[in-house]
Amino acid sequence: MQSRCSLISVVDDDESIRESLPDLLREFGFSAHAFSSAGEFLASDDLTQADCLILDIAMPGMSGPELQRELKLRGNNIPIVFITAQRDETARPRLLELGAVEYLLKPFSEEDILTAVNMALHTG
């Protein structure tokens, strides 16, 4: 058993996701912080403390996949669960091949996000 609850960072430019998803994660017993951009996450303490990253694919500035590449360049292998509202049949296999734990289409169920986060925590 972990001595602290796992910290899940949510990076999404959609305010409704930034407000609702951390609340849901806290109900599941996790710590959760939300960020509106990749840059905001990179400038935070969560960069070195997060146990899992829930990351939107399409965001202004640095996209989710670009943040994934940046983290790899920095040697940060935080497990990533990608979320997106954009249906792209080629994105899921490509992102999973690059190391993402899961790829969920919005809207996703509470069960789907909990399963994905638990998978991420057990791979990280």
N, C-alpha and C. Protein backbone atom coordinates (compact mmCIF):
# COMPACT_ATOMS: atom_id res chain seq x y z
N MET A 1 0.85 -1.19 0.00
CA MET A 1 0.00 0.00 0.00
C MET A 1 0.88 1.24 0.00
N GLN A 2 0.48 2.22 -0.79
CA GLN A 2 1.27 3.44 -0.87
C GLN A 2 1.06 4.27 0.40
N SER A 3 2.11 4.99 0.80
CA SER A 3 2.01 5.79 2.02
C SER A 3 1.27 7.10 1.76
N ARG A 4 1.12 7.49 0.51
CA ARG A 4 0.35 8.70 0.19
C ARG A 4 -0.58 8.33 -0.96
N CYS A 5 -1.63 9.11 -1.13
CA CYS A 5 -2.51 8.80 -2.25
C CYS A 5 -1.84 9.29 -3.54
N SER A 6 -2.10 8.58 -4.60
CA SER A 6 -1.47 8.89 -5.88
C SER A 6 -1.93 10.23 -6.40
N LEU A 7 -0.99 10.99 -6.97
CA LEU A 7 -1.29 12.30 -7.53
C LEU A 7 -1.53 12.15 -9.03
N ILE A 8 -2.71 12.56 -9.46
CA ILE A 8 -3.08 12.52 -10.87
C ILE A 8 -3.15 13.96 -11.37
N SER A 9 -2.40 14.27 -12.42
CA SER A 9 -2.45 15.59 -13.03
C SER A 9 -3.30 15.54 -14.29
N VAL A 10 -4.19 16.50 -14.42
CA VAL A 10 -5.07 16.60 -15.58
C VAL A 10 -4.66 17.85 -16.35
N VAL A 11 -4.33 17.66 -17.64
CA VAL A 11 -3.98 18.80 -18.49
C VAL A 11 -4.98 18.85 -19.64
N ASP A 12 -5.83 19.88 -19.62
CA ASP A 12 -6.88 20.00 -20.63
C ASP A 12 -7.27 21.48 -20.74
N ASP A 13 -7.42 21.97 -21.95
CA ASP A 13 -7.83 23.36 -22.13
C ASP A 13 -9.33 23.56 -21.93
N ASP A 14 -10.09 22.47 -21.79
CA ASP A 14 -11.53 22.52 -21.57
C ASP A 14 -11.81 22.72 -20.08
N GLU A 15 -12.36 23.88 -19.73
CA GLU A 15 -12.59 24.21 -18.33
C GLU A 15 -13.51 23.21 -17.63
N SER A 16 -14.52 22.70 -18.33
CA SER A 16 -15.45 21.76 -17.70
C SER A 16 -14.72 20.47 -17.30
N ILE A 17 -13.77 20.02 -18.11
CA ILE A 17 -12.97 18.84 -17.77
C ILE A 17 -12.07 19.15 -16.57
N ARG A 18 -11.44 20.33 -16.59
CA ARG A 18 -10.54 20.71 -15.49
C ARG A 18 -11.28 20.82 -14.16
N GLU A 19 -12.57 21.13 -14.21
CA GLU A 19 -13.33 21.24 -12.97
C GLU A 19 -13.90 19.89 -12.53
N SER A 20 -14.44 19.12 -13.47
CA SER A 20 -15.15 17.89 -13.09
C SER A 20 -14.23 16.69 -12.88
N LEU A 21 -13.22 16.53 -13.71
CA LEU A 21 -12.39 15.33 -13.62
C LEU A 21 -11.59 15.25 -12.31
N PRO A 22 -10.95 16.33 -11.86
CA PRO A 22 -10.26 16.24 -10.57
C PRO A 22 -11.21 15.90 -9.41
N ASP A 23 -12.43 16.45 -9.45
CA ASP A 23 -13.40 16.12 -8.40
C ASP A 23 -13.71 14.62 -8.41
N LEU A 24 -13.91 14.07 -9.60
CA LEU A 24 -14.19 12.65 -9.73
C LEU A 24 -13.01 11.82 -9.21
N LEU A 25 -11.80 12.21 -9.60
CA LEU A 25 -10.61 11.48 -9.16
C LEU A 25 -10.48 11.52 -7.63
N ARG A 26 -10.81 12.66 -7.03
CA ARG A 26 -10.75 12.76 -5.57
C ARG A 26 -11.78 11.84 -4.93
N GLU A 27 -12.96 11.71 -5.56
CA GLU A 27 -13.97 10.78 -5.04
C GLU A 27 -13.43 9.35 -5.05
N PHE A 28 -12.57 9.03 -6.01
CA PHE A 28 -11.96 7.70 -6.09
C PHE A 28 -10.80 7.54 -5.12
N GLY A 29 -10.42 8.62 -4.41
CA GLY A 29 -9.37 8.54 -3.41
C GLY A 29 -8.00 9.02 -3.85
N PHE A 30 -7.93 9.65 -5.01
CA PHE A 30 -6.65 10.18 -5.50
C PHE A 30 -6.51 11.65 -5.14
N SER A 31 -5.28 12.14 -5.16
CA SER A 31 -5.03 13.58 -5.19
C SER A 31 -5.09 13.98 -6.65
N ALA A 32 -5.56 15.18 -6.94
CA ALA A 32 -5.66 15.59 -8.34
C ALA A 32 -5.44 17.09 -8.48
N HIS A 33 -4.69 17.45 -9.50
CA HIS A 33 -4.48 18.86 -9.87
C HIS A 33 -4.80 19.01 -11.34
N ALA A 34 -5.32 20.17 -11.71
CA ALA A 34 -5.67 20.43 -13.11
C ALA A 34 -4.87 21.60 -13.65
N PHE A 35 -4.52 21.51 -14.92
CA PHE A 35 -3.75 22.54 -15.61
C PHE A 35 -4.41 22.83 -16.96
N SER A 36 -4.37 24.10 -17.37
CA SER A 36 -5.05 24.49 -18.60
C SER A 36 -4.16 24.36 -19.83
N SER A 37 -2.87 24.10 -19.62
CA SER A 37 -1.96 23.98 -20.77
C SER A 37 -0.76 23.12 -20.41
N ALA A 38 -0.09 22.63 -21.44
CA ALA A 38 1.13 21.85 -21.24
C ALA A 38 2.19 22.70 -20.54
N GLY A 39 2.30 23.95 -20.95
CA GLY A 39 3.29 24.85 -20.33
C GLY A 39 3.05 25.05 -18.85
N GLU A 40 1.79 25.18 -18.47
CA GLU A 40 1.45 25.34 -17.05
C GLU A 40 1.85 24.09 -16.27
N PHE A 41 1.62 22.92 -16.84
CA PHE A 41 2.03 21.67 -16.18
C PHE A 41 3.55 21.60 -16.08
N LEU A 42 4.26 21.92 -17.16
CA LEU A 42 5.73 21.84 -17.17
C LEU A 42 6.36 22.77 -16.14
N ALA A 43 5.68 23.87 -15.82
CA ALA A 43 6.21 24.84 -14.86
C ALA A 43 5.82 24.51 -13.42
N SER A 44 5.09 23.43 -13.22
CA SER A 44 4.58 23.10 -11.88
C SER A 44 5.42 22.03 -11.18
N ASP A 45 5.18 21.90 -9.88
CA ASP A 45 5.82 20.83 -9.09
C ASP A 45 5.29 19.46 -9.49
N ASP A 46 4.09 19.42 -10.09
CA ASP A 46 3.51 18.14 -10.51
C ASP A 46 4.41 17.43 -11.53
N LEU A 47 5.21 18.19 -12.24
CA LEU A 47 6.10 17.61 -13.24
C LEU A 47 6.93 16.48 -12.65
N THR A 48 7.38 16.65 -11.43
CA THR A 48 8.21 15.62 -10.80
C THR A 48 7.45 14.79 -9.77
N GLN A 49 6.22 15.20 -9.44
CA GLN A 49 5.49 14.51 -8.36
C GLN A 49 4.31 13.68 -8.84
N ALA A 50 3.79 13.96 -10.03
CA ALA A 50 2.58 13.26 -10.49
C ALA A 50 2.88 11.78 -10.75
N ASP A 51 1.91 10.95 -10.40
CA ASP A 51 2.01 9.51 -10.62
C ASP A 51 1.36 9.10 -11.94
N CYS A 52 0.51 9.97 -12.46
CA CYS A 52 -0.20 9.70 -13.72
C CYS A 52 -0.61 11.04 -14.31
N LEU A 53 -0.62 11.11 -15.62
CA LEU A 53 -1.00 12.32 -16.34
C LEU A 53 -2.18 11.99 -17.25
N ILE A 54 -3.29 12.69 -17.05
CA ILE A 54 -4.43 12.60 -17.96
C ILE A 54 -4.32 13.81 -18.87
N LEU A 55 -4.15 13.55 -20.15
CA LEU A 55 -3.70 14.59 -21.07
C LEU A 55 -4.60 14.68 -22.30
N ASP A 56 -5.11 15.89 -22.54
CA ASP A 56 -5.90 16.14 -23.75
C ASP A 56 -4.94 16.14 -24.94
N ILE A 57 -5.43 15.69 -26.07
CA ILE A 57 -4.58 15.64 -27.27
C ILE A 57 -4.48 17.00 -27.94
N ALA A 58 -5.62 17.63 -28.20
CA ALA A 58 -5.64 18.88 -28.96
C ALA A 58 -5.79 20.07 -28.01
N MET A 59 -4.70 20.82 -27.86
CA MET A 59 -4.72 22.03 -27.03
C MET A 59 -3.97 23.12 -27.75
N PRO A 60 -4.32 24.39 -27.49
CA PRO A 60 -3.55 25.49 -28.07
C PRO A 60 -2.11 25.45 -27.54
N GLY A 61 -1.19 25.91 -28.32
CA GLY A 61 0.22 25.87 -27.91
C GLY A 61 0.74 24.46 -28.09
N MET A 62 1.27 23.90 -27.03
CA MET A 62 1.83 22.54 -27.08
C MET A 62 0.70 21.51 -26.96
N SER A 63 0.62 20.61 -27.92
CA SER A 63 -0.42 19.57 -27.90
C SER A 63 -0.04 18.47 -26.90
N GLY A 64 -0.99 17.58 -26.65
CA GLY A 64 -0.71 16.45 -25.77
C GLY A 64 0.45 15.59 -26.25
N PRO A 65 0.43 15.16 -27.54
CA PRO A 65 1.56 14.37 -28.03
C PRO A 65 2.90 15.12 -27.98
N GLU A 66 2.86 16.44 -28.16
CA GLU A 66 4.11 17.22 -28.05
C GLU A 66 4.61 17.23 -26.61
N LEU A 67 3.68 17.32 -25.66
CA LEU A 67 4.08 17.25 -24.25
C LEU A 67 4.64 15.87 -23.93
N GLN A 68 4.04 14.82 -24.47
CA GLN A 68 4.55 13.47 -24.28
C GLN A 68 6.00 13.38 -24.76
N ARG A 69 6.28 13.93 -25.94
CA ARG A 69 7.66 13.92 -26.47
C ARG A 69 8.60 14.71 -25.58
N GLU A 70 8.15 15.88 -25.11
CA GLU A 70 8.98 16.71 -24.24
C GLU A 70 9.31 15.98 -22.93
N LEU A 71 8.34 15.30 -22.37
CA LEU A 71 8.59 14.56 -21.13
C LEU A 71 9.62 13.46 -21.37
N LYS A 72 9.50 12.75 -22.50
CA LYS A 72 10.48 11.70 -22.82
C LYS A 72 11.88 12.29 -22.96
N LEU A 73 11.98 13.45 -23.62
CA LEU A 73 13.28 14.11 -23.78
C LEU A 73 13.89 14.47 -22.43
N ARG A 74 13.05 14.79 -21.47
CA ARG A 74 13.52 15.15 -20.13
C ARG A 74 13.74 13.92 -19.26
N GLY A 75 13.48 12.72 -19.80
CA GLY A 75 13.66 11.51 -19.03
C GLY A 75 12.55 11.26 -18.02
N ASN A 76 11.41 11.93 -18.21
CA ASN A 76 10.27 11.76 -17.32
C ASN A 76 9.33 10.76 -17.95
N ASN A 77 9.20 9.59 -17.34
CA ASN A 77 8.37 8.52 -17.91
C ASN A 77 7.04 8.39 -17.21
N ILE A 78 6.43 9.51 -16.85
CA ILE A 78 5.12 9.49 -16.19
C ILE A 78 4.11 8.77 -17.09
N PRO A 79 3.32 7.85 -16.54
CA PRO A 79 2.31 7.16 -17.35
C PRO A 79 1.24 8.17 -17.81
N ILE A 80 0.86 8.08 -19.08
CA ILE A 80 -0.08 9.03 -19.68
C ILE A 80 -1.34 8.32 -20.16
N VAL A 81 -2.48 8.91 -19.80
CA VAL A 81 -3.77 8.52 -20.34
C VAL A 81 -4.23 9.70 -21.21
N PHE A 82 -4.34 9.47 -22.51
CA PHE A 82 -4.81 10.52 -23.40
C PHE A 82 -6.32 10.54 -23.45
N ILE A 83 -6.88 11.76 -23.48
CA ILE A 83 -8.31 11.93 -23.68
C ILE A 83 -8.52 12.90 -24.83
N THR A 84 -9.59 12.68 -25.60
CA THR A 84 -9.84 13.56 -26.73
C THR A 84 -11.30 13.51 -27.15
N ALA A 85 -11.76 14.59 -27.74
CA ALA A 85 -13.11 14.64 -28.31
C ALA A 85 -13.05 14.40 -29.82
N GLN A 86 -11.84 14.37 -30.37
CA GLN A 86 -11.66 14.23 -31.82
C GLN A 86 -11.45 12.77 -32.19
N ARG A 87 -12.34 12.27 -33.02
CA ARG A 87 -12.20 10.88 -33.49
C ARG A 87 -11.13 10.84 -34.58
N ASP A 88 -10.09 10.08 -34.32
CA ASP A 88 -9.00 9.91 -35.28
C ASP A 88 -8.54 8.46 -35.15
N GLU A 89 -8.88 7.66 -36.13
CA GLU A 89 -8.57 6.22 -36.06
C GLU A 89 -7.07 5.94 -36.00
N THR A 90 -6.26 6.85 -36.51
CA THR A 90 -4.81 6.60 -36.53
C THR A 90 -4.13 7.02 -35.22
N ALA A 91 -4.78 7.89 -34.46
CA ALA A 91 -4.13 8.44 -33.26
C ALA A 91 -3.94 7.40 -32.16
N ARG A 92 -4.98 6.60 -31.89
CA ARG A 92 -4.90 5.66 -30.77
C ARG A 92 -3.72 4.70 -30.90
N PRO A 93 -3.61 3.94 -31.99
CA PRO A 93 -2.47 3.01 -32.07
C PRO A 93 -1.12 3.73 -32.05
N ARG A 94 -1.05 4.90 -32.65
CA ARG A 94 0.22 5.65 -32.69
C ARG A 94 0.63 6.08 -31.29
N LEU A 95 -0.32 6.63 -30.52
CA LEU A 95 0.01 7.11 -29.18
C LEU A 95 0.30 5.97 -28.21
N LEU A 96 -0.42 4.87 -28.36
CA LEU A 96 -0.14 3.71 -27.51
C LEU A 96 1.25 3.15 -27.82
N GLU A 97 1.61 3.14 -29.09
CA GLU A 97 2.94 2.67 -29.49
C GLU A 97 4.03 3.56 -28.92
N LEU A 98 3.74 4.85 -28.78
CA LEU A 98 4.70 5.80 -28.22
C LEU A 98 4.75 5.77 -26.69
N GLY A 99 3.94 4.90 -26.09
CA GLY A 99 4.05 4.71 -24.65
C GLY A 99 2.86 5.12 -23.82
N ALA A 100 1.81 5.66 -24.43
CA ALA A 100 0.62 6.01 -23.64
C ALA A 100 0.00 4.73 -23.08
N VAL A 101 -0.61 4.84 -21.92
CA VAL A 101 -1.25 3.69 -21.29
C VAL A 101 -2.63 3.45 -21.89
N GLU A 102 -3.35 4.54 -22.16
CA GLU A 102 -4.70 4.41 -22.70
C GLU A 102 -5.06 5.66 -23.49
N TYR A 103 -6.11 5.53 -24.29
CA TYR A 103 -6.59 6.59 -25.16
C TYR A 103 -8.11 6.52 -25.08
N LEU A 104 -8.74 7.54 -24.48
CA LEU A 104 -10.18 7.53 -24.29
C LEU A 104 -10.84 8.67 -25.06
N LEU A 105 -11.96 8.36 -25.67
CA LEU A 105 -12.75 9.38 -26.36
C LEU A 105 -13.73 10.02 -25.37
N LYS A 106 -13.82 11.35 -25.43
CA LYS A 106 -14.82 12.06 -24.63
C LYS A 106 -16.17 11.92 -25.34
N PRO A 107 -17.26 11.77 -24.62
CA PRO A 107 -17.30 11.59 -23.18
C PRO A 107 -17.00 10.15 -22.80
N PHE A 108 -16.21 9.95 -21.77
CA PHE A 108 -15.88 8.61 -21.30
C PHE A 108 -16.60 8.38 -19.99
N SER A 109 -16.76 7.12 -19.62
CA SER A 109 -17.47 6.78 -18.38
C SER A 109 -16.53 6.89 -17.19
N GLU A 110 -17.11 7.00 -16.01
CA GLU A 110 -16.31 7.02 -14.78
C GLU A 110 -15.50 5.73 -14.68
N GLU A 111 -16.12 4.62 -15.05
CA GLU A 111 -15.44 3.32 -14.99
C GLU A 111 -14.24 3.29 -15.94
N ASP A 112 -14.40 3.84 -17.14
CA ASP A 112 -13.30 3.84 -18.11
C ASP A 112 -12.11 4.65 -17.61
N ILE A 113 -12.37 5.83 -17.04
CA ILE A 113 -11.24 6.66 -16.59
C ILE A 113 -10.59 6.03 -15.36
N LEU A 114 -11.38 5.43 -14.46
CA LEU A 114 -10.80 4.77 -13.29
C LEU A 114 -9.94 3.58 -13.70
N THR A 115 -10.43 2.79 -14.65
CA THR A 115 -9.67 1.65 -15.15
C THR A 115 -8.36 2.12 -15.77
N ALA A 116 -8.43 3.18 -16.58
CA ALA A 116 -7.23 3.70 -17.25
C ALA A 116 -6.21 4.23 -16.24
N VAL A 117 -6.68 4.95 -15.24
CA VAL A 117 -5.77 5.50 -14.21
C VAL A 117 -5.13 4.35 -13.42
N ASN A 118 -5.91 3.36 -13.05
CA ASN A 118 -5.34 2.22 -12.32
C ASN A 118 -4.31 1.47 -13.17
N MET A 119 -4.59 1.32 -14.47
CA MET A 119 -3.60 0.71 -15.37
C MET A 119 -2.32 1.54 -15.38
N ALA A 120 -2.45 2.84 -15.46
CA ALA A 120 -1.29 3.72 -15.50
C ALA A 120 -0.47 3.61 -14.22
N LEU A 121 -1.14 3.57 -13.10
CA LEU A 121 -0.44 3.51 -11.81
C LEU A 121 0.30 2.18 -11.62
N HIS A 122 -0.19 1.14 -12.27
CA HIS A 122 0.47 -0.15 -12.15
C HIS A 122 1.54 -0.38 -13.21
N THR A 123 1.67 0.55 -14.16
CA THR A 123 2.74 0.44 -15.15
C THR A 123 3.89 1.37 -14.83
N GLY A 124 3.60 2.41 -14.05
CA GLY A 124 4.59 3.46 -13.79
C GLY A 124 5.60 3.14 -12.79
